[in-house]
């Protein structure tokens, strides 16, 4: 839980800093970004499952 809160605080700080500096946000579009993260996580789980299956 601590990592989640720290990640949220860091993300908020970076977002605010970028807006004050009038820079584009360093993030993909919301839905595409979330789906990309979910895909990476699920791919990691699938890879772990496959490795354990063949051991």
N, C-alpha and C. Protein backbone atom coordinates (compact mmCIF):
# COMPACT_ATOMS: atom_id res chain seq x y z
N UNK A 1 0.83 -1.19 0.00
CA UNK A 1 0.00 0.00 0.00
C UNK A 1 0.87 1.26 0.00
N UNK A 2 2.00 1.18 0.70
CA UNK A 2 2.90 2.32 0.77
C UNK A 2 3.41 2.70 -0.62
N UNK A 3 3.73 1.68 -1.44
CA UNK A 3 4.24 1.94 -2.80
C UNK A 3 3.18 2.63 -3.65
N UNK A 4 1.93 2.24 -3.47
CA UNK A 4 0.84 2.83 -4.25
C UNK A 4 0.69 4.31 -3.92
N UNK A 5 0.72 4.63 -2.64
CA UNK A 5 0.57 6.03 -2.22
C UNK A 5 1.77 6.86 -2.70
N UNK A 6 2.98 6.32 -2.56
CA UNK A 6 4.16 7.05 -3.02
C UNK A 6 4.13 7.26 -4.54
N UNK A 7 3.67 6.26 -5.28
CA UNK A 7 3.57 6.40 -6.73
C UNK A 7 2.55 7.47 -7.10
N UNK A 8 1.44 7.49 -6.41
CA UNK A 8 0.41 8.50 -6.68
C UNK A 8 0.93 9.90 -6.38
N UNK A 9 1.60 10.06 -5.24
CA UNK A 9 2.14 11.38 -4.86
C UNK A 9 3.20 11.83 -5.87
N UNK A 10 4.09 10.92 -6.27
CA UNK A 10 5.12 11.26 -7.25
C UNK A 10 4.48 11.65 -8.59
N UNK A 11 3.49 10.89 -9.02
CA UNK A 11 2.80 11.20 -10.27
C UNK A 11 2.10 12.56 -10.22
N UNK A 12 1.47 12.85 -9.11
CA UNK A 12 0.81 14.15 -8.96
C UNK A 12 1.82 15.29 -9.00
N UNK A 13 2.95 15.10 -8.32
CA UNK A 13 3.99 16.14 -8.30
C UNK A 13 4.55 16.38 -9.71
N UNK A 14 4.80 15.31 -10.43
CA UNK A 14 5.32 15.46 -11.80
C UNK A 14 4.28 16.13 -12.70
N UNK A 15 3.03 15.73 -12.58
CA UNK A 15 1.97 16.34 -13.38
C UNK A 15 1.83 17.83 -13.12
N UNK A 16 1.87 18.22 -11.85
CA UNK A 16 1.78 19.64 -11.49
C UNK A 16 2.99 20.41 -12.02
N UNK A 17 4.18 19.84 -11.85
CA UNK A 17 5.40 20.49 -12.33
C UNK A 17 5.35 20.70 -13.84
N UNK A 18 4.94 19.68 -14.58
CA UNK A 18 4.86 19.81 -16.05
C UNK A 18 3.84 20.87 -16.46
N UNK A 19 2.71 20.95 -15.77
CA UNK A 19 1.71 21.98 -16.10
C UNK A 19 2.25 23.38 -15.81
N UNK A 20 2.96 23.56 -14.69
CA UNK A 20 3.54 24.87 -14.37
C UNK A 20 4.59 25.27 -15.39
N UNK A 21 5.33 24.30 -15.90
CA UNK A 21 6.36 24.59 -16.91
C UNK A 21 5.80 24.62 -18.33
N UNK A 22 4.47 24.41 -18.44
CA UNK A 22 3.76 24.41 -19.73
C UNK A 22 4.35 23.40 -20.71
N UNK A 23 4.66 22.22 -20.20
CA UNK A 23 5.17 21.12 -21.01
C UNK A 23 4.06 20.10 -21.22
N UNK A 24 4.12 19.33 -22.29
CA UNK A 24 3.11 18.27 -22.47
C UNK A 24 3.32 17.18 -21.41
N UNK A 25 2.24 16.60 -20.96
CA UNK A 25 2.34 15.56 -19.93
C UNK A 25 3.07 14.34 -20.49
N UNK A 26 4.00 13.78 -19.71
CA UNK A 26 4.76 12.61 -20.17
C UNK A 26 4.00 11.31 -19.95
N UNK A 27 2.80 11.25 -20.50
CA UNK A 27 1.97 10.07 -20.30
C UNK A 27 1.17 9.79 -21.57
N UNK A 28 0.90 8.53 -21.84
CA UNK A 28 0.07 8.21 -23.00
C UNK A 28 -1.39 8.57 -22.71
N UNK A 29 -2.23 8.53 -23.72
CA UNK A 29 -3.66 8.75 -23.46
C UNK A 29 -4.15 7.78 -22.37
N UNK A 30 -5.09 8.21 -21.60
CA UNK A 30 -5.48 7.49 -20.38
C UNK A 30 -5.81 6.02 -20.64
N UNK A 31 -6.76 5.73 -21.51
CA UNK A 31 -7.17 4.35 -21.70
C UNK A 31 -6.04 3.51 -22.28
N UNK A 32 -5.34 4.04 -23.27
CA UNK A 32 -4.24 3.30 -23.87
C UNK A 32 -3.14 3.03 -22.85
N UNK A 33 -2.86 4.00 -22.01
CA UNK A 33 -1.83 3.83 -20.99
C UNK A 33 -2.20 2.78 -19.96
N UNK A 34 -3.44 2.82 -19.50
CA UNK A 34 -3.90 1.85 -18.51
C UNK A 34 -3.89 0.45 -19.11
N UNK A 35 -4.38 0.32 -20.34
CA UNK A 35 -4.39 -0.99 -20.99
C UNK A 35 -2.98 -1.50 -21.23
N UNK A 36 -2.06 -0.61 -21.55
CA UNK A 36 -0.67 -1.02 -21.73
C UNK A 36 -0.07 -1.55 -20.44
N UNK A 37 -0.33 -0.88 -19.34
CA UNK A 37 0.17 -1.33 -18.05
C UNK A 37 -0.44 -2.67 -17.66
N UNK A 38 -1.74 -2.81 -17.87
CA UNK A 38 -2.41 -4.08 -17.57
C UNK A 38 -1.83 -5.19 -18.44
N UNK A 39 -1.58 -4.90 -19.73
CA UNK A 39 -1.01 -5.89 -20.62
C UNK A 39 0.37 -6.34 -20.18
N UNK A 40 1.20 -5.40 -19.76
CA UNK A 40 2.54 -5.75 -19.28
C UNK A 40 2.44 -6.62 -18.03
N UNK A 41 1.55 -6.28 -17.13
CA UNK A 41 1.38 -7.06 -15.90
C UNK A 41 0.89 -8.47 -16.22
N UNK A 42 -0.14 -8.57 -17.07
CA UNK A 42 -0.67 -9.88 -17.42
C UNK A 42 0.35 -10.70 -18.20
N UNK A 43 1.13 -10.05 -19.05
CA UNK A 43 2.20 -10.75 -19.77
C UNK A 43 3.24 -11.32 -18.82
N UNK A 44 3.58 -10.57 -17.79
CA UNK A 44 4.51 -11.05 -16.79
C UNK A 44 3.96 -12.24 -16.03
N UNK A 45 2.69 -12.19 -15.69
CA UNK A 45 2.06 -13.32 -15.01
C UNK A 45 2.02 -14.54 -15.92
N UNK A 46 1.68 -14.34 -17.19
CA UNK A 46 1.63 -15.45 -18.14
C UNK A 46 3.02 -16.05 -18.33
N UNK A 47 4.03 -15.22 -18.44
CA UNK A 47 5.40 -15.71 -18.59
C UNK A 47 5.83 -16.53 -17.39
N UNK A 48 5.49 -16.05 -16.20
CA UNK A 48 5.83 -16.79 -14.99
C UNK A 48 5.11 -18.14 -14.96
N UNK A 49 3.84 -18.14 -15.36
CA UNK A 49 3.06 -19.37 -15.38
C UNK A 49 3.65 -20.37 -16.37
N UNK A 50 4.04 -19.87 -17.54
CA UNK A 50 4.62 -20.75 -18.57
C UNK A 50 5.95 -21.33 -18.09
N UNK A 51 6.80 -20.50 -17.49
CA UNK A 51 8.07 -21.00 -16.98
C UNK A 51 7.88 -22.05 -15.90
N UNK A 52 6.93 -21.82 -15.01
CA UNK A 52 6.67 -22.80 -13.95
C UNK A 52 6.05 -24.09 -14.51
N UNK A 53 5.28 -23.99 -15.56
CA UNK A 53 4.64 -25.15 -16.17
C UNK A 53 5.67 -26.10 -16.78
N UNK A 54 6.71 -25.55 -17.38
CA UNK A 54 7.70 -26.36 -18.06
C UNK A 54 8.87 -26.80 -17.16
N UNK A 55 8.83 -26.44 -15.90
CA UNK A 55 9.90 -26.87 -14.97
C UNK A 55 9.63 -28.25 -14.43
